Amino acid sequence: LEKTFVGGSFVEGLFELVWEKQPGGWGRKTVA
């Protein structure tokens, strides 16, 4: 998934909140 998945800052922020809680921070790396 990328930030342009929906193109909304709300969804982008929501994904970051969920992803940064994932073990290993795999989601955070994907966003960056």
N, C-alpha and C. Protein backbone atom coordinates (compact mmCIF):
# COMPACT_ATOMS: atom_id res chain seq x y z
N LEU A 1 0.83 -1.20 0.00
CA LEU A 1 0.00 0.00 0.00
C LEU A 1 0.87 1.25 0.00
N GLU A 2 0.40 2.27 -0.70
CA GLU A 2 1.13 3.53 -0.76
C GLU A 2 0.23 4.66 -0.30
N LYS A 3 0.82 5.83 -0.11
CA LYS A 3 0.04 6.99 0.34
C LYS A 3 -1.04 7.34 -0.68
N THR A 4 -0.80 7.01 -1.94
CA THR A 4 -1.73 7.35 -3.00
C THR A 4 -2.84 6.31 -3.13
N PHE A 5 -2.90 5.38 -2.16
CA PHE A 5 -3.92 4.33 -2.17
C PHE A 5 -5.31 4.95 -2.26
N VAL A 6 -5.52 6.01 -1.47
CA VAL A 6 -6.78 6.73 -1.50
C VAL A 6 -6.53 8.20 -1.83
N GLY A 7 -5.33 8.67 -1.46
CA GLY A 7 -4.98 10.05 -1.75
C GLY A 7 -5.51 11.01 -0.70
N GLY A 8 -5.95 10.46 0.44
CA GLY A 8 -6.47 11.31 1.50
C GLY A 8 -5.55 11.32 2.70
N SER A 9 -5.35 12.49 3.28
CA SER A 9 -4.45 12.61 4.43
C SER A 9 -5.02 11.86 5.64
N PHE A 10 -6.34 11.77 5.71
CA PHE A 10 -6.97 11.06 6.82
C PHE A 10 -6.62 9.58 6.77
N VAL A 11 -6.79 9.00 5.59
CA VAL A 11 -6.48 7.58 5.41
C VAL A 11 -4.99 7.34 5.56
N GLU A 12 -4.20 8.28 5.06
CA GLU A 12 -2.74 8.18 5.17
C GLU A 12 -2.33 8.15 6.64
N GLY A 13 -2.89 9.03 7.42
CA GLY A 13 -2.59 9.08 8.85
C GLY A 13 -3.08 7.83 9.56
N LEU A 14 -4.24 7.33 9.12
CA LEU A 14 -4.81 6.14 9.73
C LEU A 14 -3.91 4.94 9.49
N PHE A 15 -3.40 4.81 8.26
CA PHE A 15 -2.49 3.72 7.94
C PHE A 15 -1.22 3.81 8.76
N GLU A 16 -0.71 5.02 8.94
CA GLU A 16 0.52 5.20 9.72
C GLU A 16 0.31 4.76 11.16
N LEU A 17 -0.84 5.11 11.75
CA LEU A 17 -1.12 4.73 13.13
C LEU A 17 -1.15 3.22 13.27
N VAL A 18 -1.76 2.54 12.31
CA VAL A 18 -1.86 1.08 12.36
C VAL A 18 -0.51 0.44 12.08
N TRP A 19 0.18 0.94 11.06
CA TRP A 19 1.44 0.34 10.63
C TRP A 19 2.56 0.51 11.63
N GLU A 20 2.65 1.68 12.25
CA GLU A 20 3.77 1.89 13.18
C GLU A 20 3.61 1.03 14.44
N LYS A 21 2.43 0.42 14.62
CA LYS A 21 2.22 -0.48 15.76
C LYS A 21 2.59 -1.92 15.39
N GLN A 22 2.83 -2.17 14.09
CA GLN A 22 3.17 -3.51 13.64
C GLN A 22 4.58 -3.87 14.09
N PRO A 23 4.81 -5.13 14.45
CA PRO A 23 6.13 -5.60 14.88
C PRO A 23 7.16 -5.47 13.77
N GLY A 24 8.32 -4.91 14.08
CA GLY A 24 9.35 -4.75 13.08
C GLY A 24 9.24 -3.45 12.32
N GLY A 25 8.11 -2.79 12.46
CA GLY A 25 7.91 -1.51 11.80
C GLY A 25 7.90 -1.65 10.28
N TRP A 26 7.43 -2.81 9.77
CA TRP A 26 7.40 -3.06 8.32
C TRP A 26 6.51 -2.05 7.61
N GLY A 27 5.44 -1.65 8.29
CA GLY A 27 4.51 -0.70 7.68
C GLY A 27 5.13 0.67 7.54
N ARG A 28 5.84 1.08 8.58
CA ARG A 28 6.48 2.40 8.56
C ARG A 28 7.48 2.50 7.41
N LYS A 29 8.21 1.40 7.15
CA LYS A 29 9.17 1.37 6.05
C LYS A 29 8.46 1.47 4.71
N THR A 30 7.28 0.87 4.63
CA THR A 30 6.52 0.89 3.38
C THR A 30 6.02 2.30 3.08
N VAL A 31 5.56 2.99 4.13
CA VAL A 31 5.06 4.36 3.96
C VAL A 31 6.18 5.29 3.52
N ALA A 32 7.34 5.11 4.17
CA ALA A 32 8.49 5.95 3.86
C ALA A 32 9.02 5.58 2.48
